[in-house]
Protein backbone atom coordinates (compact mmCIF):
# COMPACT_ATOMS: atom_id res chain seq x y z
CA MET A 1 -2.71 4.75 4.31
CA ALA A 2 -1.16 1.73 2.66
CA ILE A 3 -3.37 -0.05 0.19
CA LEU A 4 -2.57 -3.70 -0.21
CA THR A 5 -2.27 -4.99 -3.73
CA THR A 6 -2.16 -8.69 -2.89
CA HIS A 7 -5.94 -8.91 -2.70
CA LEU A 8 -6.61 -9.80 -6.33
CA GLU A 9 -7.66 -13.39 -6.14
CA ALA A 10 -10.17 -13.61 -8.96
CA PRO A 11 -11.78 -16.99 -9.44
CA MET A 12 -11.03 -18.60 -12.79
CA ALA A 13 -13.04 -17.27 -15.77
CA VAL A 14 -14.67 -14.47 -13.76
CA ASP A 15 -14.37 -10.96 -15.15
CA ILE A 16 -15.74 -9.16 -12.07
CA TRP A 17 -15.24 -9.93 -8.38
CA LYS A 18 -15.79 -8.24 -5.03
CA ALA A 19 -12.79 -6.55 -3.40
CA ASN A 20 -11.48 -8.03 -0.18
CA ASP A 21 -12.00 -6.61 3.31
CA ALA A 22 -8.74 -4.60 3.24
CA VAL A 23 -9.95 -2.48 0.30
CA HIS A 24 -13.33 -1.96 1.96
CA ALA A 25 -11.53 -0.94 5.18
CA ASN A 26 -9.57 1.66 3.20
CA VAL A 27 -12.85 2.98 1.80
CA ARG A 28 -14.24 3.31 5.35
CA GLU A 29 -11.09 5.21 6.35
CA LEU A 30 -11.37 7.58 3.37
CA VAL A 31 -15.05 8.20 4.12
CA GLY A 32 -14.11 9.09 7.70
CA GLN A 33 -11.38 11.47 6.53
CA ASN A 34 -12.94 13.11 3.47
CA HIS A 35 -16.57 12.18 2.88
CA PRO A 36 -18.76 12.83 5.93
CA ASP A 37 -21.90 12.78 3.78
CA LEU A 38 -21.27 9.07 3.14
CA ALA A 39 -20.73 8.09 6.78
CA LEU A 40 -24.25 6.73 7.24
CA VAL A 41 -24.07 4.60 4.07
CA VAL A 42 -20.40 3.52 4.11
CA ASP A 43 -21.36 -0.12 4.67
CA GLU A 44 -23.71 0.13 1.69
CA ILE A 45 -20.85 0.86 -0.73
CA VAL A 46 -19.46 -2.21 -2.47
CA ILE A 47 -16.14 -2.25 -4.32
CA VAL A 48 -15.67 -4.62 -7.24
CA PHE A 49 -12.80 -5.26 -9.61
CA ARG A 50 -13.10 -5.77 -13.35
CA ALA A 51 -10.27 -7.86 -14.80
CA LYS A 52 -9.41 -5.44 -17.62
CA ALA A 53 -9.84 -1.69 -17.98
CA GLY A 54 -12.25 -0.40 -20.57
CA LYS A 55 -11.86 2.69 -22.72
CA SER A 56 -14.07 5.70 -23.32
CA GLY A 57 -13.22 8.24 -26.01
CA GLY A 58 -9.86 6.51 -26.46
CA GLN A 59 -8.95 7.00 -22.79
CA VAL A 60 -8.43 4.20 -20.27
CA VAL A 61 -11.15 4.11 -17.61
CA LEU A 62 -9.57 3.37 -14.23
CA GLY A 63 -12.90 3.01 -12.48
CA ASN A 64 -16.40 4.37 -12.06
CA SER A 65 -19.06 4.90 -9.45
CA LYS A 66 -22.68 3.90 -9.94
CA LYS A 67 -25.85 3.83 -7.91
CA VAL A 68 -27.05 0.28 -7.37
CA ALA A 69 -30.43 -0.29 -9.01
CA ALA A 70 -33.31 -1.53 -6.87
CA LEU A 71 -33.63 -4.55 -9.19
CA ALA A 72 -30.00 -5.59 -8.57
CA ASN A 73 -30.50 -5.27 -4.81
CA ALA A 74 -33.68 -7.36 -5.01
CA ILE A 75 -32.02 -10.09 -7.07
CA GLY A 76 -28.94 -10.17 -4.84
CA ASN A 77 -30.90 -9.76 -1.62
CA THR A 78 -28.65 -6.79 -0.73
CA ASP A 79 -29.14 -3.14 0.13
CA PHE A 80 -26.21 -1.38 -1.54
CA LYS A 81 -26.41 2.31 -2.37
CA PHE A 82 -23.29 2.46 -4.58
CA VAL A 83 -20.98 0.15 -6.48
CA ILE A 84 -17.45 1.32 -7.22
CA GLU A 85 -15.88 -0.62 -10.07
CA ILE A 86 -12.09 -0.58 -10.50
CA ALA A 87 -9.97 -1.88 -13.38
CA ALA A 88 -7.86 -4.59 -11.73
CA ASP A 89 -5.15 -4.59 -14.41
CA MET A 90 -4.52 -0.87 -13.94
CA TRP A 91 -4.80 -1.09 -10.12
CA GLU A 92 -2.18 -3.83 -9.92
CA ASN A 93 0.21 -2.79 -12.69
CA GLU A 94 -0.01 0.99 -13.06
CA LEU A 95 -0.98 2.49 -9.69
CA ASP A 96 1.21 2.66 -6.61
CA SER A 97 -0.49 2.79 -3.19
CA THR A 98 -0.80 6.60 -3.26
CA LYS A 99 -2.49 6.52 -6.66
CA GLN A 100 -4.73 3.66 -5.54
CA GLU A 101 -5.84 5.78 -2.59
CA ALA A 102 -6.35 8.79 -4.89
CA LEU A 103 -8.47 6.68 -7.25
CA LEU A 104 -10.65 5.40 -4.39
CA ASP A 105 -11.06 8.97 -3.11
CA HIS A 106 -11.91 10.21 -6.63
CA LEU A 107 -14.57 7.53 -7.03
CA LEU A 108 -15.99 8.20 -3.55
CA THR A 109 -16.16 11.92 -4.37
CA ALA A 110 -18.67 11.10 -7.10
CA CYS A 111 -20.94 9.40 -4.55
CA ARG A 112 -23.24 11.89 -2.87
CA CYS A 113 -25.86 11.51 -0.14
CA GLU A 114 -27.91 14.25 1.41
CA GLU A 115 -30.96 14.37 3.56
CA ASP A 116 -34.17 15.51 1.89
CA PRO A 117 -35.40 18.36 4.12
CA LYS A 118 -39.05 17.54 3.39
CA SER A 119 -39.09 13.76 3.86
CA GLY A 120 -36.01 13.28 6.05
CA GLU A 121 -34.87 10.46 3.73
CA PHE A 122 -31.35 10.24 2.41
CA LYS A 123 -31.15 10.82 -1.33
CA CYS A 124 -28.10 9.32 -3.01
CA SER A 125 -26.73 10.24 -6.41
CA VAL A 126 -23.59 10.06 -8.52
CA ALA A 127 -22.10 13.42 -9.51
CA LYS A 128 -20.05 14.14 -12.58
CA PRO A 129 -16.57 15.65 -12.02
CA ASP A 130 -16.66 19.42 -11.71
CA ILE A 131 -13.56 19.81 -13.88
CA MET A 132 -13.29 18.49 -17.41
CA ALA A 133 -10.05 19.29 -19.16
CA PHE A 134 -7.46 18.32 -21.71
CA ARG A 135 -4.03 17.67 -20.22
CA GLU A 136 -2.23 19.63 -22.96
CA ASN A 137 -4.44 22.70 -22.36
CA VAL A 138 -3.80 22.55 -18.60
CA GLU A 139 -0.07 22.14 -19.27
CA ARG A 140 -0.15 25.34 -21.33
CA TYR A 141 -2.46 27.48 -19.17
CA GLY A 142 -2.77 25.84 -15.77
CA MET A 143 -6.13 25.44 -14.04
CA TRP A 144 -7.65 28.52 -15.66
CA PHE A 145 -11.27 27.43 -15.22
CA PRO A 146 -13.75 29.70 -13.43
CA VAL A 147 -14.60 28.39 -9.98
CA GLU A 148 -18.00 28.88 -8.44
CA SER A 149 -17.61 30.68 -5.14
CA LYS A 150 -19.02 28.81 -2.21
CA ASP A 151 -20.90 31.00 0.20
CA ASP A 152 -20.18 30.18 3.81
CA GLU A 153 -22.39 27.17 4.32
CA GLY A 154 -21.67 27.05 8.03
CA PRO A 155 -20.04 24.15 9.84
CA SER A 156 -20.25 20.67 8.39
CA PRO A 157 -21.99 17.92 10.38
CA VAL A 158 -18.56 16.63 11.45
CA GLU A 159 -17.49 20.13 12.57
CA GLU A 160 -20.74 20.50 14.51
CA MET A 161 -20.14 17.19 16.25
CA PHE A 162 -16.43 17.58 17.02
CA GLY A 163 -15.86 21.33 16.78
CA VAL A 164 -13.87 23.35 14.27
CA ASP A 165 -10.08 23.03 14.23
CA THR A 166 -8.66 26.57 14.39
CA GLU A 167 -4.98 25.64 13.98
C-alpha cells in the first residue's frame, strides 16, 4: 500500500489539520486487513496532523490514538469514536511509505471496539502497547518478555463470515 506524502497542505498558522481522503482511505484498507473489530466504526475514526512532533520522556512522539470526548463531538456536531494524531514533520521527513503504514497500523492497534454482551452496544477504548522496552536491552537480549498464551478463542468474526484460510 503506497501512502502519499503530498497531502500536507496545512493552512497558514494552523498547528493541527485533518488528513486528506487518501490517508483516510489507507486507514480503511488497514482496518479491512488487520483490524476487524474496527470495521463498524472505521468511518468514525478521524486522522489529524500536528505540525511538529512532541516529546515524552525525551523521546519523539510520532503519533497517538485517543477516544473522542462526547463534548468535542457535541461542539463539532460530529460522531467520531477515535482521533489519531500524527506528527506531520516526522511523517514527511523521517518516515518512508512502509513506516507511514506501520505507524498508522500501530495507532489503529491501540483502538479497540467490542460488543458488550449484556447491552449489545459497542464499547470503544484505547489500549496501551503490550510491550514496553528499552532498545538497548532488546539489542542485548532480544524479545525476552513473557507472552501471555492465548487460549483458542475460536474463529474471528471475519473468519466466520468468509471461512478460515487453511493454506
